[in-house]
Amino acid sequence: KRPASVLGQGSKSSDVPLFVRTLHTLLEECDQSISRWSDDGTKVLIMDPARFAVEICPRYFRHRNFNSFTRLLNMYQFHKVQNASPDAK
């Protein structure tokens, strides 16, 4: 489920940081058993961090390190929310 305002309605994609565009793309293309949008489209859920690091990170980034990915999320003002989904890890 894609949030309508993720890339900003009416904004040029060049105005959106590359990491945010990449995150949006990977969530659209990713196996939902690994990572997905929350049902309301406001949160990124990582269902299987180990598989995410091995299967997803190398496709979109230059590493296989889940901690590096979370540091990038934090750098772009994403914050961890406990119990966002009962299935997420």
N, C-alpha and C. Protein backbone atom coordinates (compact mmCIF):
# COMPACT_ATOMS: atom_id res chain seq x y z
N LYS A 1 0.85 -1.17 0.00
CA LYS A 1 0.00 0.00 0.00
C LYS A 1 0.89 1.23 0.00
N ARG A 2 0.72 2.07 -0.96
CA ARG A 2 1.60 3.22 -1.14
C ARG A 2 0.97 4.48 -0.57
N PRO A 3 1.67 5.15 0.34
CA PRO A 3 1.15 6.42 0.84
C PRO A 3 1.18 7.46 -0.27
N ALA A 4 0.11 8.20 -0.42
CA ALA A 4 -0.02 9.16 -1.51
C ALA A 4 0.98 10.30 -1.41
N SER A 5 1.37 10.69 -0.22
CA SER A 5 2.19 11.88 -0.08
C SER A 5 3.67 11.59 0.18
N VAL A 6 4.10 10.36 0.00
CA VAL A 6 5.48 10.02 0.32
C VAL A 6 6.47 10.89 -0.44
N LEU A 7 6.27 11.07 -1.70
CA LEU A 7 7.19 11.86 -2.49
C LEU A 7 6.71 13.29 -2.66
N GLY A 8 5.64 13.64 -1.99
CA GLY A 8 5.16 15.01 -2.03
C GLY A 8 4.38 15.31 -3.28
N GLN A 9 3.14 15.56 -3.13
CA GLN A 9 2.30 15.88 -4.27
C GLN A 9 2.75 17.21 -4.85
N GLY A 10 2.98 17.25 -6.13
CA GLY A 10 3.36 18.47 -6.80
C GLY A 10 4.83 18.81 -6.72
N SER A 11 5.61 18.04 -5.96
CA SER A 11 7.04 18.35 -5.89
C SER A 11 7.78 17.55 -6.95
N LYS A 12 8.88 18.11 -7.40
CA LYS A 12 9.71 17.40 -8.37
C LYS A 12 10.49 16.31 -7.65
N SER A 13 10.71 15.19 -8.31
CA SER A 13 11.46 14.12 -7.66
C SER A 13 12.87 14.56 -7.32
N SER A 14 13.42 15.54 -8.06
CA SER A 14 14.76 16.02 -7.74
C SER A 14 14.81 16.77 -6.42
N ASP A 15 13.65 17.19 -5.90
CA ASP A 15 13.58 17.87 -4.61
C ASP A 15 13.63 16.87 -3.45
N VAL A 16 13.41 15.61 -3.75
CA VAL A 16 13.37 14.56 -2.72
C VAL A 16 14.75 13.91 -2.65
N PRO A 17 15.32 13.79 -1.45
CA PRO A 17 16.65 13.17 -1.33
C PRO A 17 16.68 11.76 -1.93
N LEU A 18 17.83 11.41 -2.50
CA LEU A 18 17.99 10.11 -3.15
C LEU A 18 17.65 8.95 -2.22
N PHE A 19 18.08 9.02 -0.96
CA PHE A 19 17.77 7.93 -0.04
C PHE A 19 16.26 7.75 0.12
N VAL A 20 15.52 8.83 0.22
CA VAL A 20 14.06 8.74 0.40
C VAL A 20 13.41 8.15 -0.85
N ARG A 21 13.87 8.56 -2.03
CA ARG A 21 13.35 7.98 -3.28
C ARG A 21 13.68 6.49 -3.35
N THR A 22 14.90 6.12 -2.95
CA THR A 22 15.31 4.71 -2.95
C THR A 22 14.47 3.91 -1.97
N LEU A 23 14.26 4.45 -0.79
CA LEU A 23 13.43 3.78 0.22
C LEU A 23 12.02 3.55 -0.32
N HIS A 24 11.46 4.54 -0.95
CA HIS A 24 10.12 4.41 -1.53
C HIS A 24 10.09 3.30 -2.58
N THR A 25 11.08 3.29 -3.46
CA THR A 25 11.15 2.27 -4.51
C THR A 25 11.29 0.87 -3.92
N LEU A 26 12.20 0.71 -2.97
CA LEU A 26 12.41 -0.63 -2.43
C LEU A 26 11.17 -1.13 -1.70
N LEU A 27 10.45 -0.24 -1.03
CA LEU A 27 9.22 -0.68 -0.35
C LEU A 27 8.13 -1.05 -1.34
N GLU A 28 8.11 -0.40 -2.48
CA GLU A 28 7.13 -0.75 -3.51
C GLU A 28 7.46 -2.10 -4.15
N GLU A 29 8.75 -2.43 -4.26
CA GLU A 29 9.18 -3.63 -4.96
C GLU A 29 9.49 -4.81 -4.05
N CYS A 30 9.64 -4.57 -2.77
CA CYS A 30 10.10 -5.57 -1.81
C CYS A 30 9.03 -6.63 -1.51
N ASP A 31 9.48 -7.85 -1.26
CA ASP A 31 8.62 -8.91 -0.77
C ASP A 31 8.06 -8.45 0.58
N GLN A 32 6.75 -8.44 0.73
CA GLN A 32 6.12 -7.91 1.94
C GLN A 32 6.41 -8.75 3.18
N SER A 33 6.92 -9.94 3.00
CA SER A 33 7.31 -10.72 4.18
C SER A 33 8.65 -10.23 4.73
N ILE A 34 9.35 -9.37 3.96
CA ILE A 34 10.62 -8.80 4.41
C ILE A 34 10.42 -7.38 4.93
N SER A 35 9.77 -6.55 4.13
CA SER A 35 9.55 -5.16 4.51
C SER A 35 8.35 -4.62 3.74
N ARG A 36 7.63 -3.69 4.39
CA ARG A 36 6.45 -3.13 3.74
C ARG A 36 6.03 -1.85 4.44
N TRP A 37 5.06 -1.17 3.85
CA TRP A 37 4.41 -0.04 4.49
C TRP A 37 3.45 -0.57 5.55
N SER A 38 3.22 0.20 6.61
CA SER A 38 2.18 -0.14 7.57
C SER A 38 0.83 -0.03 6.87
N ASP A 39 -0.20 -0.60 7.46
CA ASP A 39 -1.53 -0.58 6.84
C ASP A 39 -2.02 0.83 6.57
N ASP A 40 -1.67 1.78 7.44
CA ASP A 40 -2.12 3.17 7.22
C ASP A 40 -1.15 3.96 6.34
N GLY A 41 -0.04 3.32 5.92
CA GLY A 41 0.90 3.96 5.01
C GLY A 41 1.79 5.01 5.63
N THR A 42 1.87 5.04 6.96
CA THR A 42 2.68 6.08 7.62
C THR A 42 3.98 5.56 8.20
N LYS A 43 4.18 4.25 8.18
CA LYS A 43 5.37 3.66 8.79
C LYS A 43 6.02 2.65 7.84
N VAL A 44 7.33 2.52 7.98
CA VAL A 44 8.09 1.49 7.29
C VAL A 44 8.23 0.33 8.26
N LEU A 45 7.80 -0.84 7.86
CA LEU A 45 7.91 -2.03 8.71
C LEU A 45 8.96 -2.96 8.14
N ILE A 46 9.92 -3.32 8.97
CA ILE A 46 10.92 -4.31 8.59
C ILE A 46 10.51 -5.60 9.27
N MET A 47 9.98 -6.52 8.49
CA MET A 47 9.43 -7.75 9.04
C MET A 47 10.54 -8.76 9.36
N ASP A 48 11.60 -8.74 8.58
CA ASP A 48 12.69 -9.71 8.76
C ASP A 48 14.03 -9.01 8.52
N PRO A 49 14.61 -8.41 9.57
CA PRO A 49 15.85 -7.65 9.40
C PRO A 49 17.00 -8.46 8.78
N ALA A 50 17.12 -9.73 9.13
CA ALA A 50 18.21 -10.55 8.59
C ALA A 50 18.07 -10.70 7.08
N ARG A 51 16.88 -11.04 6.63
CA ARG A 51 16.65 -11.17 5.17
C ARG A 51 16.77 -9.81 4.49
N PHE A 52 16.33 -8.75 5.15
CA PHE A 52 16.44 -7.41 4.58
C PHE A 52 17.91 -7.09 4.30
N ALA A 53 18.78 -7.38 5.27
CA ALA A 53 20.21 -7.09 5.12
C ALA A 53 20.83 -7.88 3.98
N VAL A 54 20.46 -9.15 3.87
CA VAL A 54 21.08 -10.03 2.87
C VAL A 54 20.47 -9.86 1.48
N GLU A 55 19.17 -9.70 1.39
CA GLU A 55 18.49 -9.69 0.09
C GLU A 55 18.20 -8.29 -0.45
N ILE A 56 17.86 -7.35 0.41
CA ILE A 56 17.40 -6.04 -0.04
C ILE A 56 18.53 -5.01 -0.06
N CYS A 57 19.28 -4.91 1.02
CA CYS A 57 20.35 -3.90 1.09
C CYS A 57 21.29 -3.93 -0.10
N PRO A 58 21.82 -5.09 -0.51
CA PRO A 58 22.77 -5.07 -1.63
C PRO A 58 22.14 -4.63 -2.96
N ARG A 59 20.83 -4.78 -3.10
CA ARG A 59 20.15 -4.35 -4.33
C ARG A 59 20.08 -2.83 -4.45
N TYR A 60 19.97 -2.17 -3.32
CA TYR A 60 19.72 -0.72 -3.34
C TYR A 60 20.84 0.11 -2.73
N PHE A 61 21.74 -0.52 -1.98
CA PHE A 61 22.80 0.20 -1.30
C PHE A 61 24.11 -0.55 -1.51
N ARG A 62 25.20 0.02 -1.03
CA ARG A 62 26.51 -0.60 -1.23
C ARG A 62 26.94 -1.41 -0.01
N HIS A 63 26.00 -2.01 0.66
CA HIS A 63 26.32 -2.77 1.86
C HIS A 63 25.26 -3.85 2.11
N ARG A 64 25.56 -4.71 3.08
CA ARG A 64 24.63 -5.75 3.55
C ARG A 64 24.46 -5.61 5.06
N ASN A 65 24.47 -4.40 5.54
CA ASN A 65 24.48 -4.16 6.97
C ASN A 65 23.19 -3.46 7.40
N PHE A 66 22.38 -4.16 8.17
CA PHE A 66 21.10 -3.60 8.62
C PHE A 66 21.31 -2.37 9.50
N ASN A 67 22.35 -2.37 10.33
CA ASN A 67 22.62 -1.22 11.18
C ASN A 67 22.96 0.03 10.36
N SER A 68 23.64 -0.15 9.24
CA SER A 68 23.93 0.99 8.36
C SER A 68 22.63 1.55 7.78
N PHE A 69 21.72 0.65 7.43
CA PHE A 69 20.42 1.09 6.91
C PHE A 69 19.65 1.87 7.97
N THR A 70 19.65 1.39 9.21
CA THR A 70 18.92 2.11 10.26
C THR A 70 19.57 3.46 10.56
N ARG A 71 20.89 3.55 10.44
CA ARG A 71 21.55 4.85 10.61
C ARG A 71 21.10 5.83 9.53
N LEU A 72 20.97 5.34 8.31
CA LEU A 72 20.46 6.20 7.23
C LEU A 72 19.04 6.67 7.52
N LEU A 73 18.20 5.75 7.99
CA LEU A 73 16.83 6.13 8.36
C LEU A 73 16.85 7.24 9.41
N ASN A 74 17.68 7.06 10.43
CA ASN A 74 17.77 8.06 11.49
C ASN A 74 18.28 9.40 10.96
N MET A 75 19.23 9.35 10.05
CA MET A 75 19.77 10.58 9.48
C MET A 75 18.69 11.39 8.75
N TYR A 76 17.71 10.69 8.18
CA TYR A 76 16.61 11.35 7.47
C TYR A 76 15.37 11.50 8.35
N GLN A 77 15.59 11.50 9.66
CA GLN A 77 14.55 11.80 10.65
C GLN A 77 13.46 10.73 10.77
N PHE A 78 13.77 9.50 10.36
CA PHE A 78 12.87 8.39 10.66
C PHE A 78 13.19 7.94 12.08
N HIS A 79 12.19 7.51 12.81
CA HIS A 79 12.39 7.10 14.20
C HIS A 79 11.73 5.76 14.45
N LYS A 80 12.37 4.95 15.27
CA LYS A 80 11.83 3.64 15.61
C LYS A 80 10.59 3.80 16.49
N VAL A 81 9.55 3.04 16.14
CA VAL A 81 8.32 3.03 16.93
C VAL A 81 8.13 1.61 17.43
N GLN A 82 8.07 1.44 18.73
CA GLN A 82 7.87 0.11 19.30
C GLN A 82 6.46 -0.38 18.97
N ASN A 83 6.35 -1.66 18.67
CA ASN A 83 5.06 -2.30 18.42
C ASN A 83 4.27 -1.65 17.31
N ALA A 84 4.94 -1.22 16.24
CA ALA A 84 4.24 -0.63 15.10
C ALA A 84 3.33 -1.68 14.45
N SER A 85 3.76 -2.92 14.49
CA SER A 85 2.97 -4.02 13.96
C SER A 85 3.34 -5.26 14.77
N PRO A 86 2.38 -6.08 15.10
CA PRO A 86 2.71 -7.28 15.87
C PRO A 86 3.64 -8.23 15.14
N ASP A 87 3.70 -8.14 13.81
CA ASP A 87 4.53 -9.04 13.03
C ASP A 87 5.93 -8.49 12.77
N ALA A 88 6.12 -7.18 12.92
CA ALA A 88 7.41 -6.57 12.62
C ALA A 88 8.42 -6.87 13.69
N LYS A 89 9.71 -6.88 13.31
CA LYS A 89 10.80 -7.15 14.25
C LYS A 89 11.60 -5.89 14.48
